[in-house]
Amino acid sequence: MTSACLEGEDTRNKEGCPIPTQADATGIKQVFFSPYKAQRYATALDTVLFSEFRFNFELEILIKKNQNSSTFPLHSEKFDCIQTFSLQNISNISVILTAPFAGLPIGTDISYLLFTPDKKRISELRDFGNVSVFFGTSLELKPPNYSQLKTRTFLFLKNGTQKFVDSTSPFLKTN
């Protein structure tokens, strides 16, 4: 006699990947800039082609306890599944200039100029129910040659608190 344990349908989405893990965002771990070359991301001391530039950030999270595990021993995950989280405590994310940039003054919220790969503006993100902790965005504003983007990235939580990280991009070569 043999027995088997079948994984419940409610632990997988329609693509066969695990459903998002319940967690709370607690802050912004880092802001970092693409391109990734020579085994490191670009820093404020580098000069990069604007066409290769990406504004990225990583959230800090705290996984909620008492969750059902979506995997069993000997269960193999699909290789193309990215771990996702349901972060219900985020209100919104803003990116504010801390120095003038491309004709925009200090204090301008440029999150409406930062687009995710699926063409959503950071300023419009309100549903964080199925997200990665990594956000990669492209800047839809061509700056003057060799300018730097200096920002403060804010994470606003639904309980009224806010977390932020300051950053300075590499020099952006536009021609």
Protein backbone atom coordinates (compact mmCIF):
# COMPACT_ATOMS: atom_id res chain seq x y z
CA MET A 1 0.00 0.00 0.00
CA THR A 2 1.32 3.44 -0.88
CA SER A 3 0.21 6.89 0.10
CA ALA A 4 0.75 10.28 -1.39
CA CYS A 5 0.44 13.82 -0.23
CA LEU A 6 -0.86 16.28 -2.79
CA GLU A 7 -0.11 19.92 -2.52
CA GLY A 8 -3.20 22.08 -2.17
CA GLU A 9 -4.31 24.17 -5.13
CA ASP A 10 -4.33 27.26 -2.92
CA THR A 11 -0.54 27.23 -2.49
CA ARG A 12 0.19 27.77 -6.22
CA ASN A 13 -0.84 30.43 -8.72
CA LYS A 14 -1.98 29.61 -12.26
CA GLU A 15 1.64 29.58 -13.54
CA GLY A 16 2.57 26.93 -10.97
CA CYS A 17 4.64 29.29 -8.81
CA PRO A 18 4.12 29.65 -5.05
CA ILE A 19 1.53 32.22 -4.03
CA PRO A 20 3.02 35.43 -2.54
CA THR A 21 4.36 35.19 1.01
CA GLN A 22 2.66 37.47 3.54
CA ALA A 23 5.13 40.06 4.83
CA ASP A 24 5.43 43.65 6.00
CA ALA A 25 7.75 46.20 4.44
CA THR A 26 10.00 47.69 7.12
CA GLY A 27 12.21 50.00 5.07
CA ILE A 28 14.36 50.46 2.01
CA LYS A 29 17.42 48.25 2.15
CA GLN A 30 19.29 49.97 -0.68
CA VAL A 31 19.10 52.08 -3.80
CA PHE A 32 21.43 50.90 -6.55
CA PHE A 33 22.04 51.73 -10.19
CA SER A 34 22.40 49.70 -13.35
CA PRO A 35 24.26 48.78 -15.43
CA TYR A 36 25.83 45.86 -13.62
CA LYS A 37 29.35 45.48 -15.00
CA ALA A 38 32.57 43.93 -13.72
CA GLN A 39 30.53 42.16 -11.03
CA ARG A 40 29.22 45.37 -9.43
CA TYR A 41 26.51 47.96 -9.85
CA ALA A 42 27.39 51.50 -10.94
CA THR A 43 28.31 53.97 -8.19
CA ALA A 44 28.30 57.75 -7.88
CA LEU A 45 31.92 57.76 -9.08
CA ASP A 46 31.13 56.01 -12.37
CA THR A 47 30.01 57.38 -15.72
CA VAL A 48 27.38 55.31 -17.55
CA LEU A 49 25.45 55.62 -20.78
CA PHE A 50 21.98 56.98 -20.07
CA SER A 51 20.53 54.29 -22.34
CA GLU A 52 21.89 51.64 -19.93
CA PHE A 53 20.96 53.46 -16.71
CA ARG A 54 18.35 52.04 -14.35
CA PHE A 55 17.22 53.32 -10.95
CA ASN A 56 16.72 50.30 -8.66
CA PHE A 57 15.82 49.77 -5.03
CA GLU A 58 15.33 46.88 -2.64
CA LEU A 59 12.78 46.81 0.17
CA GLU A 60 13.46 45.43 3.62
CA ILE A 61 10.72 43.07 4.72
CA LEU A 62 9.65 41.05 7.71
CA ILE A 63 7.90 37.78 6.85
CA LYS A 64 4.77 37.19 8.91
CA LYS A 65 4.81 34.13 11.15
CA ASN A 66 2.45 31.14 11.11
CA GLN A 67 2.27 30.75 7.36
CA ASN A 68 1.65 27.48 5.65
CA SER A 69 4.67 26.36 3.72
CA SER A 70 4.03 26.12 -0.01
CA THR A 71 6.71 23.51 -0.59
CA PHE A 72 7.21 19.96 0.55
CA PRO A 73 10.34 17.83 0.60
CA LEU A 74 11.21 16.55 -2.86
CA HIS A 75 9.00 19.22 -4.45
CA SER A 76 10.79 21.07 -7.20
CA GLU A 77 10.08 24.72 -7.91
CA LYS A 78 9.78 26.01 -11.42
CA PHE A 79 13.06 27.63 -12.38
CA ASP A 80 11.35 30.78 -13.65
CA CYS A 81 9.49 31.54 -10.41
CA ILE A 82 10.62 34.69 -8.65
CA GLN A 83 9.84 34.85 -4.95
CA THR A 84 7.02 37.31 -4.46
CA PHE A 85 5.46 38.89 -1.40
CA SER A 86 2.15 40.35 -0.36
CA LEU A 87 3.07 43.63 1.34
CA GLN A 88 -0.22 45.05 2.55
CA ASN A 89 1.29 47.76 4.79
CA ILE A 90 2.69 50.00 2.01
CA SER A 91 0.80 53.18 1.14
CA ASN A 92 3.08 54.44 -1.62
CA ILE A 93 6.66 55.09 -2.76
CA SER A 94 8.09 58.47 -3.77
CA VAL A 95 11.44 59.58 -5.17
CA ILE A 96 12.26 63.22 -4.39
CA LEU A 97 15.09 65.28 -5.88
CA THR A 98 17.64 66.52 -3.35
CA ALA A 99 19.44 68.57 -6.03
CA PRO A 100 18.21 70.15 -9.28
CA PHE A 101 18.09 67.73 -12.21
CA ALA A 102 17.21 68.24 -15.90
CA GLY A 103 15.50 71.57 -15.19
CA LEU A 104 13.52 70.22 -12.23
CA PRO A 105 14.02 71.92 -8.83
CA ILE A 106 14.95 70.40 -5.47
CA GLY A 107 11.91 68.78 -3.87
CA THR A 108 10.33 67.55 -7.11
CA ASP A 109 8.77 64.10 -6.87
CA ILE A 110 10.10 62.22 -9.91
CA SER A 111 8.36 58.93 -9.18
CA TYR A 112 6.03 59.71 -12.11
CA LEU A 113 9.13 59.59 -14.37
CA LEU A 114 10.32 56.17 -13.13
CA PHE A 115 8.76 53.25 -15.02
CA THR A 116 8.83 49.56 -14.10
CA PRO A 117 9.56 47.01 -16.86
CA ASP A 118 5.80 46.56 -17.34
CA LYS A 119 5.43 50.33 -17.94
CA LYS A 120 3.87 51.27 -14.59
CA ARG A 121 4.90 54.53 -12.94
CA ILE A 122 6.27 54.19 -9.41
CA SER A 123 3.92 57.05 -8.45
CA GLU A 124 0.90 54.96 -9.47
CA LEU A 125 1.77 51.76 -7.62
CA ARG A 126 -0.81 51.08 -4.92
CA ASP A 127 -1.18 47.30 -5.05
CA PHE A 128 1.77 45.55 -3.45
CA GLY A 129 0.01 42.18 -3.13
CA ASN A 130 2.29 40.29 -5.55
CA VAL A 131 5.69 41.99 -5.73
CA SER A 132 9.38 41.23 -5.52
CA VAL A 133 11.49 43.08 -2.96
CA PHE A 134 13.52 44.38 -5.92
CA PHE A 135 12.18 47.24 -8.05
CA GLY A 136 13.97 48.18 -11.26
CA THR A 137 12.92 51.30 -13.13
CA SER A 138 13.91 53.32 -16.15
CA LEU A 139 13.97 57.11 -16.07
CA GLU A 140 11.79 58.69 -18.76
CA LEU A 141 13.50 62.08 -18.80
CA LYS A 142 16.65 62.76 -20.76
CA PRO A 143 19.04 64.79 -18.59
CA PRO A 144 21.89 67.04 -19.67
CA ASN A 145 25.12 65.24 -20.48
CA TYR A 146 27.18 64.15 -17.44
CA SER A 147 24.54 65.05 -14.87
CA GLN A 148 23.87 63.14 -11.64
CA LEU A 149 20.55 62.24 -10.10
CA LYS A 150 20.47 62.97 -6.36
CA THR A 151 17.40 61.64 -4.61
CA ARG A 152 15.67 60.65 -1.40
CA THR A 153 13.50 57.57 -1.88
CA PHE A 154 10.56 57.39 0.54
CA LEU A 155 8.58 54.35 1.58
CA PHE A 156 5.27 55.45 3.12
CA LEU A 157 3.57 52.89 5.34
CA LYS A 158 -0.16 52.73 6.07
CA ASN A 159 0.45 53.29 9.79
CA GLY A 160 1.71 56.80 8.99
CA THR A 161 5.43 56.14 9.29
CA GLN A 162 7.91 56.77 6.54
CA LYS A 163 11.34 55.37 5.78
CA PHE A 164 13.84 56.87 3.36
CA VAL A 165 17.24 56.40 1.76
CA ASP A 166 19.38 59.06 0.04
CA SER A 167 21.29 58.21 -3.12
CA THR A 168 23.47 59.69 -5.85
CA SER A 169 23.51 58.14 -9.29
CA PRO A 170 26.53 57.69 -11.53
CA PHE A 171 27.24 60.47 -14.02
CA LEU A 172 24.85 60.00 -16.94
CA LYS A 173 26.37 60.27 -20.40
CA THR A 174 23.68 61.16 -22.92
CA ASN A 175 25.69 61.60 -26.12
